[in-house]
Amino acid sequence: MPHRANLVAVINPDKGMLFDIRTKKFLKSVPKWGGFCTKDGKYGLYAPTRGGLELLELKKGSSVKTFIPRVAEGVFTVICMFNKTDEYVLYYHSGKKTLRVFRLTDAKMLANYRVPAELSAIETTEDGRAVVIATVDGCLTVLAIADPNKNSFLSALPSRDETWKKKMDKQRTAKLFKAAAAITKFCVSVSEPNLKEEVGSSINNSQLHTSKILSKG
């Protein structure tokens, strides 16, 4: 467990069991717990493969919030987790191929992002402001969590910066200039040996022609 290193959780399909490896004792079982929990060990997530997402209080083992009602959506792969700062809950459903983001305090859904291909890995940044996802088609995508309650973060996004397009155009021009300079340097380095060979061959031919003239004379 994140808050106590001596506690180990063993997760079954229908419950999670806590063991103390220091005393080698079984402590308790938490029904429906899927293994994910906050850093303080107070809350966990319940996300069955048939649909639904709930917040569990691990001490009592009871559901305290419902993010997604228990609606039958078929049996699919489900990935759910807290972000690094425990402010948001991420929920991926392989059937719908969507990544949903919920605010932990009020269970409000902030985003419903459609993933272009099946999700293979997911992680959040240390500051909790962005989500990094990888898909089976080889794409790596970074998504910013746009929380309306965090105006300072929203104002810092590139899409809210009026001069962002000009900055990007300037950077693009600088990169193109550097690329052109590198290509020119490479072409010169490749052509120099050929130029030296041509000059050397011309000098040898000239010397040979001169020697023939002298021999005739």
N, C-alpha and C. Protein backbone atom coordinates (compact mmCIF):
# COMPACT_ATOMS: atom_id res chain seq x y z
N MET A 1 0.85 -1.19 0.00
CA MET A 1 0.00 0.00 0.00
C MET A 1 0.88 1.24 0.00
N PRO A 2 0.47 2.31 -0.68
CA PRO A 2 1.31 3.50 -0.78
C PRO A 2 1.65 4.14 0.56
N HIS A 3 0.71 4.13 1.50
CA HIS A 3 0.94 4.84 2.77
C HIS A 3 1.62 3.96 3.81
N ARG A 4 1.58 2.64 3.64
CA ARG A 4 2.22 1.72 4.59
C ARG A 4 2.86 0.58 3.81
N ALA A 5 4.19 0.56 3.82
CA ALA A 5 4.93 -0.42 3.01
C ALA A 5 4.74 -1.85 3.50
N ASN A 6 4.35 -2.04 4.74
CA ASN A 6 4.19 -3.40 5.28
C ASN A 6 2.85 -4.03 4.92
N LEU A 7 1.95 -3.27 4.30
CA LEU A 7 0.65 -3.80 3.90
C LEU A 7 0.67 -4.19 2.43
N VAL A 8 0.23 -5.40 2.15
CA VAL A 8 0.18 -5.92 0.79
C VAL A 8 -1.25 -6.33 0.48
N ALA A 9 -1.71 -5.95 -0.71
CA ALA A 9 -3.07 -6.28 -1.13
C ALA A 9 -3.04 -7.40 -2.15
N VAL A 10 -3.86 -8.40 -1.93
CA VAL A 10 -4.05 -9.50 -2.88
C VAL A 10 -5.45 -9.33 -3.47
N ILE A 11 -5.50 -9.17 -4.79
CA ILE A 11 -6.76 -8.82 -5.45
C ILE A 11 -7.36 -10.04 -6.15
N ASN A 12 -8.59 -10.34 -5.81
CA ASN A 12 -9.39 -11.37 -6.48
C ASN A 12 -10.45 -10.69 -7.34
N PRO A 13 -11.11 -11.43 -8.23
CA PRO A 13 -12.14 -10.80 -9.07
C PRO A 13 -13.28 -10.15 -8.29
N ASP A 14 -13.58 -10.64 -7.09
CA ASP A 14 -14.72 -10.11 -6.35
C ASP A 14 -14.35 -9.34 -5.08
N LYS A 15 -13.06 -9.33 -4.71
CA LYS A 15 -12.67 -8.62 -3.49
C LYS A 15 -11.16 -8.42 -3.44
N GLY A 16 -10.73 -7.58 -2.50
CA GLY A 16 -9.31 -7.38 -2.23
C GLY A 16 -9.02 -7.74 -0.79
N MET A 17 -7.88 -8.38 -0.55
CA MET A 17 -7.52 -8.81 0.80
C MET A 17 -6.22 -8.16 1.22
N LEU A 18 -6.18 -7.64 2.45
CA LEU A 18 -5.01 -6.96 2.98
C LEU A 18 -4.26 -7.86 3.95
N PHE A 19 -2.93 -7.94 3.76
CA PHE A 19 -2.06 -8.72 4.63
C PHE A 19 -0.95 -7.83 5.17
N ASP A 20 -0.55 -8.08 6.40
CA ASP A 20 0.59 -7.40 7.01
C ASP A 20 1.78 -8.34 6.93
N ILE A 21 2.75 -8.02 6.06
CA ILE A 21 3.89 -8.91 5.86
C ILE A 21 4.87 -8.84 7.04
N ARG A 22 4.73 -7.81 7.87
CA ARG A 22 5.61 -7.70 9.04
C ARG A 22 5.19 -8.70 10.12
N THR A 23 3.90 -8.80 10.35
CA THR A 23 3.38 -9.73 11.36
C THR A 23 2.87 -11.03 10.74
N LYS A 24 2.85 -11.07 9.39
CA LYS A 24 2.37 -12.26 8.66
C LYS A 24 0.94 -12.61 9.03
N LYS A 25 0.09 -11.57 9.08
CA LYS A 25 -1.30 -11.78 9.45
C LYS A 25 -2.24 -11.20 8.39
N PHE A 26 -3.38 -11.85 8.26
CA PHE A 26 -4.46 -11.35 7.41
C PHE A 26 -5.23 -10.29 8.18
N LEU A 27 -5.41 -9.11 7.58
CA LEU A 27 -6.07 -8.01 8.27
C LEU A 27 -7.57 -7.95 7.97
N LYS A 28 -7.91 -7.81 6.71
CA LYS A 28 -9.32 -7.72 6.35
C LYS A 28 -9.49 -7.89 4.85
N SER A 29 -10.72 -8.07 4.44
CA SER A 29 -11.05 -8.13 3.01
C SER A 29 -11.98 -6.97 2.68
N VAL A 30 -11.81 -6.43 1.48
CA VAL A 30 -12.62 -5.30 1.01
C VAL A 30 -13.41 -5.77 -0.21
N PRO A 31 -14.71 -5.95 -0.11
CA PRO A 31 -15.51 -6.41 -1.25
C PRO A 31 -15.45 -5.43 -2.42
N LYS A 32 -15.38 -5.99 -3.62
CA LYS A 32 -15.47 -5.24 -4.89
C LYS A 32 -14.24 -4.40 -5.21
N TRP A 33 -13.26 -4.34 -4.34
CA TRP A 33 -12.09 -3.49 -4.57
C TRP A 33 -11.22 -4.07 -5.68
N GLY A 34 -10.83 -3.20 -6.63
CA GLY A 34 -10.03 -3.65 -7.77
C GLY A 34 -8.54 -3.48 -7.63
N GLY A 35 -8.08 -2.91 -6.51
CA GLY A 35 -6.64 -2.79 -6.28
C GLY A 35 -6.09 -1.39 -6.31
N PHE A 36 -6.73 -0.48 -7.04
CA PHE A 36 -6.25 0.90 -7.10
C PHE A 36 -6.72 1.68 -5.88
N CYS A 37 -5.84 2.53 -5.36
CA CYS A 37 -6.20 3.32 -4.18
C CYS A 37 -5.45 4.64 -4.20
N THR A 38 -5.91 5.58 -3.37
CA THR A 38 -5.25 6.87 -3.24
C THR A 38 -3.96 6.71 -2.42
N LYS A 39 -3.13 7.74 -2.44
CA LYS A 39 -1.84 7.66 -1.75
C LYS A 39 -1.98 7.50 -0.24
N ASP A 40 -3.06 8.02 0.32
CA ASP A 40 -3.27 7.88 1.76
C ASP A 40 -3.96 6.57 2.13
N GLY A 41 -4.32 5.77 1.13
CA GLY A 41 -4.93 4.47 1.38
C GLY A 41 -6.37 4.52 1.85
N LYS A 42 -7.02 5.66 1.72
CA LYS A 42 -8.40 5.79 2.23
C LYS A 42 -9.45 5.33 1.22
N TYR A 43 -9.18 5.58 -0.05
CA TYR A 43 -10.20 5.30 -1.07
C TYR A 43 -9.66 4.37 -2.15
N GLY A 44 -10.56 3.59 -2.72
CA GLY A 44 -10.23 2.69 -3.82
C GLY A 44 -11.30 2.77 -4.90
N LEU A 45 -11.11 2.00 -5.97
CA LEU A 45 -12.04 2.02 -7.10
C LEU A 45 -12.64 0.65 -7.34
N TYR A 46 -13.89 0.66 -7.75
CA TYR A 46 -14.58 -0.56 -8.16
C TYR A 46 -15.10 -0.36 -9.57
N ALA A 47 -14.55 -1.12 -10.53
CA ALA A 47 -14.93 -0.99 -11.93
C ALA A 47 -15.09 -2.38 -12.53
N PRO A 48 -16.27 -2.97 -12.44
CA PRO A 48 -16.49 -4.30 -13.02
C PRO A 48 -16.43 -4.27 -14.54
N THR A 49 -16.09 -5.40 -15.15
CA THR A 49 -15.96 -5.46 -16.61
C THR A 49 -17.29 -5.29 -17.32
N ARG A 50 -18.39 -5.52 -16.63
CA ARG A 50 -19.71 -5.38 -17.26
C ARG A 50 -20.22 -3.94 -17.23
N GLY A 51 -19.48 -3.02 -16.60
CA GLY A 51 -19.86 -1.61 -16.61
C GLY A 51 -20.06 -1.02 -15.23
N GLY A 52 -19.81 0.28 -15.11
CA GLY A 52 -19.97 0.98 -13.83
C GLY A 52 -18.64 1.35 -13.21
N LEU A 53 -18.65 2.41 -12.41
CA LEU A 53 -17.45 2.87 -11.71
C LEU A 53 -17.87 3.53 -10.40
N GLU A 54 -17.30 3.05 -9.29
CA GLU A 54 -17.65 3.57 -7.97
C GLU A 54 -16.39 3.84 -7.15
N LEU A 55 -16.52 4.78 -6.21
CA LEU A 55 -15.46 5.09 -5.26
C LEU A 55 -15.75 4.37 -3.95
N LEU A 56 -14.78 3.62 -3.45
CA LEU A 56 -14.96 2.85 -2.23
C LEU A 56 -14.16 3.45 -1.09
N GLU A 57 -14.74 3.44 0.10
CA GLU A 57 -14.00 3.78 1.31
C GLU A 57 -13.42 2.48 1.85
N LEU A 58 -12.09 2.35 1.78
CA LEU A 58 -11.46 1.07 2.08
C LEU A 58 -11.59 0.67 3.55
N LYS A 59 -11.69 1.63 4.44
CA LYS A 59 -11.79 1.30 5.86
C LYS A 59 -13.10 0.56 6.17
N LYS A 60 -14.19 1.02 5.57
CA LYS A 60 -15.49 0.41 5.81
C LYS A 60 -15.89 -0.57 4.70
N GLY A 61 -15.25 -0.42 3.54
CA GLY A 61 -15.60 -1.28 2.41
C GLY A 61 -16.91 -0.93 1.74
N SER A 62 -17.34 0.31 1.88
CA SER A 62 -18.62 0.74 1.32
C SER A 62 -18.41 1.72 0.18
N SER A 63 -19.40 1.80 -0.70
CA SER A 63 -19.36 2.73 -1.82
C SER A 63 -19.81 4.12 -1.36
N VAL A 64 -19.00 5.14 -1.67
CA VAL A 64 -19.32 6.50 -1.23
C VAL A 64 -19.69 7.42 -2.39
N LYS A 65 -19.26 7.08 -3.60
CA LYS A 65 -19.60 7.90 -4.77
C LYS A 65 -19.75 7.00 -5.98
N THR A 66 -20.61 7.43 -6.90
CA THR A 66 -20.81 6.71 -8.15
C THR A 66 -20.44 7.62 -9.32
N PHE A 67 -19.43 7.22 -10.06
CA PHE A 67 -19.02 7.98 -11.24
C PHE A 67 -19.84 7.55 -12.47
N ILE A 68 -19.98 6.23 -12.65
CA ILE A 68 -20.75 5.67 -13.76
C ILE A 68 -21.75 4.67 -13.19
N PRO A 69 -23.03 4.84 -13.45
CA PRO A 69 -24.03 3.88 -12.93
C PRO A 69 -23.78 2.47 -13.49
N ARG A 70 -24.30 1.49 -12.79
CA ARG A 70 -24.14 0.10 -13.23
C ARG A 70 -25.08 -0.21 -14.38
N VAL A 71 -24.64 0.12 -15.57
CA VAL A 71 -25.41 -0.15 -16.78
C VAL A 71 -24.70 -1.25 -17.56
N ALA A 72 -25.44 -2.25 -17.98
CA ALA A 72 -24.85 -3.37 -18.72
C ALA A 72 -24.34 -2.89 -20.07
N GLU A 73 -23.03 -2.94 -20.27
CA GLU A 73 -22.41 -2.51 -21.52
C GLU A 73 -21.67 -3.65 -22.20
N GLY A 74 -21.88 -4.89 -21.73
CA GLY A 74 -21.11 -6.00 -22.26
C GLY A 74 -19.84 -6.19 -21.45
N VAL A 75 -19.17 -7.30 -21.67
CA VAL A 75 -17.93 -7.59 -20.95
C VAL A 75 -16.75 -7.15 -21.80
N PHE A 76 -16.05 -6.12 -21.34
CA PHE A 76 -14.91 -5.57 -22.07
C PHE A 76 -13.77 -5.31 -21.09
N THR A 77 -12.61 -4.99 -21.67
CA THR A 77 -11.46 -4.63 -20.84
C THR A 77 -11.66 -3.23 -20.27
N VAL A 78 -11.44 -3.10 -18.97
CA VAL A 78 -11.61 -1.82 -18.29
C VAL A 78 -10.32 -1.47 -17.55
N ILE A 79 -9.86 -0.24 -17.73
CA ILE A 79 -8.69 0.27 -17.00
C ILE A 79 -9.12 1.51 -16.23
N CYS A 80 -8.93 1.50 -14.92
CA CYS A 80 -9.27 2.67 -14.12
C CYS A 80 -8.14 2.95 -13.13
N MET A 81 -7.96 4.22 -12.81
CA MET A 81 -6.86 4.60 -11.92
C MET A 81 -7.05 6.03 -11.45
N PHE A 82 -6.33 6.38 -10.39
CA PHE A 82 -6.24 7.77 -9.94
C PHE A 82 -5.05 8.43 -10.63
N ASN A 83 -5.12 9.75 -10.78
CA ASN A 83 -3.93 10.44 -11.27
C ASN A 83 -2.93 10.60 -10.12
N LYS A 84 -1.76 11.15 -10.41
CA LYS A 84 -0.68 11.22 -9.42
C LYS A 84 -1.04 12.06 -8.19
N THR A 85 -1.90 13.03 -8.37
CA THR A 85 -2.27 13.90 -7.25
C THR A 85 -3.59 13.51 -6.59
N ASP A 86 -4.19 12.41 -7.04
CA ASP A 86 -5.46 11.90 -6.49
C ASP A 86 -6.60 12.91 -6.63
N GLU A 87 -6.52 13.76 -7.63
CA GLU A 87 -7.59 14.73 -7.87
C GLU A 87 -8.61 14.22 -8.89
N TYR A 88 -8.17 13.32 -9.76
CA TYR A 88 -9.03 12.85 -10.84
C TYR A 88 -8.99 11.32 -10.93
N VAL A 89 -10.05 10.79 -11.54
CA VAL A 89 -10.15 9.35 -11.79
C VAL A 89 -10.23 9.14 -13.30
N LEU A 90 -9.40 8.24 -13.81
CA LEU A 90 -9.38 7.93 -15.24
C LEU A 90 -10.06 6.58 -15.46
N TYR A 91 -10.87 6.50 -16.51
CA TYR A 91 -11.61 5.28 -16.79
C TYR A 91 -11.59 5.01 -18.30
N TYR A 92 -11.01 3.86 -18.68
CA TYR A 92 -10.96 3.47 -20.10
C TYR A 92 -11.83 2.24 -20.31
N HIS A 93 -12.64 2.28 -21.37
CA HIS A 93 -13.54 1.18 -21.73
C HIS A 93 -13.18 0.72 -23.14
N SER A 94 -12.74 -0.54 -23.29
CA SER A 94 -12.27 -1.01 -24.59
C SER A 94 -13.39 -1.16 -25.61
N GLY A 95 -14.62 -1.38 -25.14
CA GLY A 95 -15.74 -1.50 -26.07
C GLY A 95 -16.07 -0.18 -26.75
N LYS A 96 -16.15 0.87 -25.96
CA LYS A 96 -16.44 2.20 -26.50
C LYS A 96 -15.18 2.91 -26.99
N LYS A 97 -14.00 2.39 -26.58
CA LYS A 97 -12.71 3.03 -26.91
C LYS A 97 -12.70 4.50 -26.49
N THR A 98 -13.14 4.73 -25.27
CA THR A 98 -13.16 6.08 -24.73
C THR A 98 -12.40 6.14 -23.41
N LEU A 99 -11.77 7.28 -23.18
CA LEU A 99 -11.09 7.56 -21.92
C LEU A 99 -11.84 8.70 -21.23
N ARG A 100 -12.46 8.39 -20.10
CA ARG A 100 -13.23 9.38 -19.36
C ARG A 100 -12.46 9.85 -18.13
N VAL A 101 -12.55 11.13 -17.86
CA VAL A 101 -11.87 11.74 -16.72
C VAL A 101 -12.92 12.34 -15.78
N PHE A 102 -12.86 11.97 -14.50
CA PHE A 102 -13.80 12.45 -13.50
C PHE A 102 -13.06 13.21 -12.40
N ARG A 103 -13.68 14.27 -11.89
CA ARG A 103 -13.14 14.98 -10.74
C ARG A 103 -13.54 14.21 -9.48
N LEU A 104 -12.57 13.97 -8.60
CA LEU A 104 -12.82 13.13 -7.43
C LEU A 104 -13.75 13.79 -6.42
N THR A 105 -13.66 15.10 -6.27
CA THR A 105 -14.42 15.78 -5.21
C THR A 105 -15.93 15.73 -5.43
N ASP A 106 -16.37 15.89 -6.68
CA ASP A 106 -17.82 15.92 -6.95
C ASP A 106 -18.27 14.89 -7.98
N ALA A 107 -17.36 14.00 -8.42
CA ALA A 107 -17.68 12.93 -9.37
C ALA A 107 -18.16 13.46 -10.72
N LYS A 108 -17.80 14.69 -11.06
CA LYS A 108 -18.21 15.26 -12.33
C LYS A 108 -17.27 14.82 -13.45
N MET A 109 -17.85 14.44 -14.60
CA MET A 109 -17.04 14.04 -15.74
C MET A 109 -16.52 15.28 -16.46
N LEU A 110 -15.20 15.37 -16.63
CA LEU A 110 -14.58 16.52 -17.27
C LEU A 110 -14.27 16.27 -18.73
N ALA A 111 -14.05 15.01 -19.10
CA ALA A 111 -13.68 14.71 -20.48
C ALA A 111 -14.14 13.32 -20.85
N ASN A 112 -14.41 13.15 -22.15
CA ASN A 112 -14.77 11.85 -22.72
C ASN A 112 -14.04 11.73 -24.05
N TYR A 113 -12.77 11.34 -23.98
CA TYR A 113 -11.88 11.34 -25.15
C TYR A 113 -11.95 10.00 -25.86
N ARG A 114 -12.18 10.03 -27.16
CA ARG A 114 -12.22 8.80 -27.95
C ARG A 114 -10.81 8.44 -28.41
N VAL A 115 -10.35 7.27 -28.02
CA VAL A 115 -9.00 6.81 -28.36
C VAL A 115 -9.03 6.24 -29.78
N PRO A 116 -8.07 6.60 -30.65
CA PRO A 116 -8.09 6.13 -32.05
C PRO A 116 -7.88 4.63 -32.20
N ALA A 117 -7.19 4.00 -31.26
CA ALA A 117 -6.95 2.55 -31.30
C ALA A 117 -6.98 2.02 -29.88
N GLU A 118 -6.87 0.70 -29.74
CA GLU A 118 -6.94 0.09 -28.41
C GLU A 118 -5.80 0.58 -27.52
N LEU A 119 -6.13 0.89 -26.30
CA LEU A 119 -5.14 1.42 -25.35
C LEU A 119 -4.21 0.32 -24.87
N SER A 120 -2.90 0.61 -24.87
CA SER A 120 -1.92 -0.37 -24.40
C SER A 120 -1.23 0.07 -23.11
N ALA A 121 -1.17 1.38 -22.84
CA ALA A 121 -0.55 1.88 -21.61
C ALA A 121 -1.10 3.27 -21.31
N ILE A 122 -1.13 3.59 -20.02
CA ILE A 122 -1.62 4.91 -19.60
C ILE A 122 -0.89 5.33 -18.32
N GLU A 123 -0.55 6.61 -18.24
CA GLU A 123 0.13 7.16 -17.07
C GLU A 123 -0.16 8.64 -17.00
N THR A 124 -0.01 9.22 -15.82
CA THR A 124 -0.22 10.65 -15.65
C THR A 124 1.09 11.31 -15.23
N THR A 125 1.19 12.61 -15.48
CA THR A 125 2.39 13.35 -15.09
C THR A 125 2.41 13.56 -13.58
N GLU A 126 3.58 13.91 -13.07
CA GLU A 126 3.74 14.07 -11.62
C GLU A 126 2.88 15.20 -11.06
N ASP A 127 2.65 16.25 -11.85
CA ASP A 127 1.82 17.36 -11.37
C ASP A 127 0.33 17.08 -11.53
N GLY A 128 -0.01 15.95 -12.15
CA GLY A 128 -1.40 15.56 -12.30
C GLY A 128 -2.19 16.33 -13.33
N ARG A 129 -1.52 17.12 -14.15
CA ARG A 129 -2.23 17.97 -15.09
C ARG A 129 -2.39 17.36 -16.48
N ALA A 130 -1.69 16.29 -16.76
CA ALA A 130 -1.74 15.70 -18.10
C ALA A 130 -1.77 14.18 -18.01
N VAL A 131 -2.29 13.57 -19.08
CA VAL A 131 -2.38 12.12 -19.19
C VAL A 131 -1.60 11.69 -20.43
N VAL A 132 -0.76 10.69 -20.27
CA VAL A 132 0.02 10.15 -21.39
C VAL A 132 -0.52 8.77 -21.71
N ILE A 133 -0.94 8.57 -22.97
CA ILE A 133 -1.50 7.28 -23.38
C ILE A 133 -0.74 6.73 -24.58
N ALA A 134 -0.64 5.41 -24.64
CA ALA A 134 -0.03 4.71 -25.78
C ALA A 134 -1.05 3.72 -26.32
N THR A 135 -1.13 3.62 -27.65
CA THR A 135 -2.08 2.73 -28.29
C THR A 135 -1.35 1.68 -29.12
N VAL A 136 -2.08 0.63 -29.49
CA VAL A 136 -1.46 -0.51 -30.17
C VAL A 136 -0.98 -0.16 -31.57
N ASP A 137 -1.42 0.96 -32.13
CA ASP A 137 -0.96 1.36 -33.46
C ASP A 137 0.35 2.14 -33.41
N GLY A 138 0.95 2.26 -32.21
CA GLY A 138 2.25 2.90 -32.08
C GLY A 138 2.21 4.38 -31.76
N CYS A 139 1.04 4.94 -31.52
CA CYS A 139 0.92 6.37 -31.22
C CYS A 139 1.11 6.64 -29.73
N LEU A 140 1.76 7.75 -29.43
CA LEU A 140 1.93 8.23 -28.06
C LEU A 140 1.32 9.62 -27.98
N THR A 141 0.32 9.78 -27.11
CA THR A 141 -0.44 11.02 -27.05
C THR A 141 -0.41 11.59 -25.64
N VAL A 142 -0.25 12.91 -25.55
CA VAL A 142 -0.29 13.61 -24.26
C VAL A 142 -1.53 14.49 -24.24
N LEU A 143 -2.39 14.27 -23.25
CA LEU A 143 -3.64 15.01 -23.13
C LEU A 143 -3.62 15.88 -21.87
N ALA A 144 -3.97 17.13 -22.01
CA ALA A 144 -4.07 18.03 -20.86
C ALA A 144 -5.46 17.91 -20.24
N ILE A 145 -5.52 17.85 -18.91
CA ILE A 145 -6.80 17.79 -18.21
C ILE A 145 -7.32 19.22 -18.02
N ALA A 146 -8.34 19.57 -18.78
CA ALA A 146 -8.89 20.93 -18.73
C ALA A 146 -9.98 21.00 -17.67
N ASP A 147 -9.59 21.33 -16.47
CA ASP A 147 -10.54 21.45 -15.35
C ASP A 147 -11.02 22.90 -15.27
N PRO A 148 -12.32 23.15 -15.44
CA PRO A 148 -12.83 24.53 -15.37
C PRO A 148 -12.56 25.21 -14.03
N ASN A 149 -12.34 24.43 -12.98
CA ASN A 149 -12.08 25.02 -11.66
C ASN A 149 -10.66 25.53 -11.51
N LYS A 150 -9.80 25.23 -12.48
CA LYS A 150 -8.40 25.67 -12.42
C LYS A 150 -8.13 26.65 -13.55
N ASN A 151 -8.51 27.89 -13.33
CA ASN A 151 -8.37 28.91 -14.36
C ASN A 151 -6.92 29.21 -14.69
N SER A 152 -6.04 29.16 -13.69
CA SER A 152 -4.63 29.47 -13.93
C SER A 152 -4.01 28.46 -14.88
N PHE A 153 -4.39 27.19 -14.75
CA PHE A 153 -3.85 26.16 -15.65
C PHE A 153 -4.42 26.31 -17.05
N LEU A 154 -5.71 26.61 -17.14
CA LEU A 154 -6.34 26.76 -18.45
C LEU A 154 -5.75 27.94 -19.22
N SER A 155 -5.47 29.02 -18.52
CA SER A 155 -4.91 30.20 -19.19
C SER A 155 -3.51 29.96 -19.71
N ALA A 156 -2.82 28.96 -19.15
CA ALA A 156 -1.46 28.66 -19.59
C ALA A 156 -1.41 27.67 -20.76
N LEU A 157 -2.56 27.14 -21.17
CA LEU A 157 -2.59 26.20 -22.28
C LEU A 157 -2.24 26.91 -23.59
N PRO A 158 -1.56 26.22 -24.52
CA PRO A 158 -1.19 26.86 -25.80
C PRO A 158 -2.39 27.39 -26.57
N SER A 159 -3.53 26.72 -26.48
CA SER A 159 -4.71 27.15 -27.24
C SER A 159 -5.28 28.47 -26.74
N ARG A 160 -4.93 28.86 -25.50
CA ARG A 160 -5.43 30.13 -24.93
C ARG A 160 -4.44 31.27 -25.13
N ASP A 161 -3.26 30.97 -25.66
CA ASP A 161 -2.23 31.99 -25.88
C ASP A 161 -2.41 32.57 -27.28
N GLU A 162 -2.67 33.87 -27.37
CA GLU A 162 -2.90 34.51 -28.66
C GLU A 162 -1.65 34.54 -29.53
N THR A 163 -0.49 34.56 -28.90
CA THR A 163 0.76 34.62 -29.67
C THR A 163 1.35 33.23 -29.92
N TRP A 164 0.60 32.18 -29.54
CA TRP A 164 1.13 30.81 -29.66
C TRP A 164 1.41 30.45 -31.12
N LYS A 165 0.52 30.81 -32.04
CA LYS A 165 0.70 30.47 -33.44
C LYS A 165 1.94 31.14 -34.01
N LYS A 166 2.17 32.41 -33.64
CA LYS A 166 3.36 33.11 -34.12
C LYS A 166 4.63 32.46 -33.59
N LYS A 167 4.59 32.04 -32.31
CA LYS A 167 5.75 31.38 -31.72
C LYS A 167 6.05 30.06 -32.43
N MET A 168 5.00 29.31 -32.74
CA MET A 168 5.18 28.03 -33.42
C MET A 168 5.72 28.23 -34.83
N ASP A 169 5.22 29.26 -35.54
CA ASP A 169 5.72 29.56 -36.89
C ASP A 169 7.19 29.94 -36.85
N LYS A 170 7.57 30.70 -35.82
CA LYS A 170 8.97 31.11 -35.68
C LYS A 170 9.86 29.90 -35.40
N GLN A 171 9.40 29.01 -34.53
CA GLN A 171 10.17 27.80 -34.24
C GLN A 171 10.27 26.91 -35.47
N ARG A 172 9.18 26.81 -36.24
CA ARG A 172 9.18 25.99 -37.44
C ARG A 172 10.16 26.54 -38.48
N THR A 173 10.20 27.86 -38.63
CA THR A 173 11.14 28.48 -39.57
C THR A 173 12.58 28.22 -39.15
N ALA A 174 12.85 28.34 -37.85
CA ALA A 174 14.21 28.09 -37.35
C ALA A 174 14.62 26.63 -37.58
N LYS A 175 13.70 25.71 -37.38
CA LYS A 175 14.01 24.29 -37.60
C LYS A 175 14.28 24.01 -39.07
N LEU A 176 13.48 24.63 -39.96
CA LEU A 176 13.70 24.44 -41.40
C LEU A 176 15.04 24.99 -41.83
N PHE A 177 15.42 26.15 -41.26
CA PHE A 177 16.71 26.75 -41.60
C PHE A 177 17.86 25.85 -41.15
N LYS A 178 17.75 25.31 -39.93
CA LYS A 178 18.79 24.41 -39.43
C LYS A 178 18.88 23.14 -40.28
N ALA A 179 17.72 22.63 -40.70
CA ALA A 179 17.71 21.43 -41.53
C ALA A 179 18.35 21.69 -42.88
N ALA A 180 18.06 22.86 -43.48
CA ALA A 180 18.66 23.22 -44.76
C ALA A 180 20.17 23.37 -44.64
N ALA A 181 20.62 23.98 -43.54
CA ALA A 181 22.06 24.14 -43.31
C ALA A 181 22.74 22.79 -43.15
N ALA A 182 22.10 21.88 -42.44
CA ALA A 182 22.67 20.54 -42.24
C ALA A 182 22.76 19.78 -43.55
N ILE A 183 21.73 19.89 -44.40
CA ILE A 183 21.74 19.21 -45.70
C ILE A 183 22.83 19.78 -46.60
N THR A 184 22.97 21.11 -46.59
CA THR A 184 24.01 21.76 -47.40
C THR A 184 25.40 21.31 -46.96
N LYS A 185 25.62 21.26 -45.65
CA LYS A 185 26.91 20.83 -45.12
C LYS A 185 27.21 19.39 -45.52
N PHE A 186 26.18 18.54 -45.48
CA PHE A 186 26.37 17.14 -45.85
C PHE A 186 26.70 17.01 -47.34
N CYS A 187 25.99 17.77 -48.18
CA CYS A 187 26.25 17.72 -49.62
C CYS A 187 27.66 18.17 -49.96
N VAL A 188 28.12 19.22 -49.27
CA VAL A 188 29.48 19.72 -49.50
C VAL A 188 30.51 18.68 -49.09
N SER A 189 30.28 18.03 -47.93
CA SER A 189 31.23 17.02 -47.46
C SER A 189 31.29 15.82 -48.39
N VAL A 190 30.16 15.49 -49.02
CA VAL A 190 30.14 14.36 -49.95
C VAL A 190 30.80 14.72 -51.27
N SER A 191 30.60 15.95 -51.75
CA SER A 191 31.12 16.36 -53.06
C SER A 191 32.60 16.70 -53.03
N GLU A 192 33.18 17.01 -51.88
CA GLU A 192 34.60 17.39 -51.80
C GLU A 192 35.54 16.29 -52.29
N PRO A 193 35.39 15.03 -51.88
CA PRO A 193 36.29 13.98 -52.41
C PRO A 193 36.21 13.84 -53.92
N ASN A 194 35.00 13.93 -54.49
CA ASN A 194 34.85 13.82 -55.94
C ASN A 194 35.52 14.99 -56.64
N LEU A 195 35.41 16.19 -56.04
CA LEU A 195 36.03 17.37 -56.62
C LEU A 195 37.55 17.24 -56.62
N LYS A 196 38.10 16.71 -55.50
CA LYS A 196 39.55 16.51 -55.42
C LYS A 196 40.02 15.50 -56.45
N GLU A 197 39.24 14.44 -56.66
CA GLU A 197 39.60 13.43 -57.65
C GLU A 197 39.60 14.02 -59.05
N GLU A 198 38.59 14.86 -59.35
CA GLU A 198 38.52 15.48 -60.67
C GLU A 198 39.70 16.42 -60.90
N VAL A 199 40.04 17.22 -59.87
CA VAL A 199 41.18 18.14 -60.00
C VAL A 199 42.47 17.36 -60.18
N GLY A 200 42.64 16.29 -59.39
CA GLY A 200 43.85 15.47 -59.51
C GLY A 200 43.95 14.80 -60.86
N SER A 201 42.84 14.33 -61.39
CA SER A 201 42.83 13.69 -62.71
C SER A 201 43.17 14.69 -63.79
N SER A 202 42.65 15.92 -63.65
CA SER A 202 42.93 16.97 -64.64
C SER A 202 44.41 17.33 -64.64
N ILE A 203 45.02 17.41 -63.45
CA ILE A 203 46.45 17.73 -63.35
C ILE A 203 47.30 16.62 -63.97
N ASN A 204 46.95 15.39 -63.71
CA ASN A 204 47.70 14.26 -64.27
C ASN A 204 47.61 14.23 -65.79
N ASN A 205 46.42 14.50 -66.33
CA ASN A 205 46.26 14.53 -67.79
C ASN A 205 47.08 15.66 -68.40
N SER A 206 47.11 16.80 -67.68
CA SER A 206 47.88 17.94 -68.19
C SER A 206 49.37 17.62 -68.20
N GLN A 207 49.85 16.97 -67.13
CA GLN A 207 51.27 16.60 -67.07
C GLN A 207 51.61 15.58 -68.14
N LEU A 208 50.70 14.64 -68.38
CA LEU A 208 50.94 13.63 -69.40
C LEU A 208 51.00 14.26 -70.78
N HIS A 209 50.10 15.21 -71.06
CA HIS A 209 50.09 15.89 -72.35
C HIS A 209 51.39 16.68 -72.55
N THR A 210 51.85 17.33 -71.47
CA THR A 210 53.10 18.12 -71.55
C THR A 210 54.30 17.22 -71.82
N SER A 211 54.32 16.08 -71.17
CA SER A 211 55.45 15.16 -71.36
C SER A 211 55.47 14.61 -72.78
N LYS A 212 54.29 14.41 -73.40
CA LYS A 212 54.23 13.93 -74.78
C LYS A 212 54.77 14.97 -75.73
N ILE A 213 54.44 16.23 -75.47
CA ILE A 213 54.93 17.32 -76.33
C ILE A 213 56.45 17.42 -76.23
N LEU A 214 56.98 17.30 -75.02
CA LEU A 214 58.43 17.39 -74.84
C LEU A 214 59.15 16.23 -75.51
N SER A 215 58.52 15.05 -75.44
CA SER A 215 59.17 13.88 -76.06
C SER A 215 59.18 14.00 -77.57
N LYS A 216 58.13 14.61 -78.15
CA LYS A 216 58.10 14.82 -79.59
C LYS A 216 59.13 15.86 -80.01
N GLY A 217 59.31 16.84 -79.16
CA GLY A 217 60.28 17.88 -79.48
C GLY A 217 61.67 17.35 -79.46
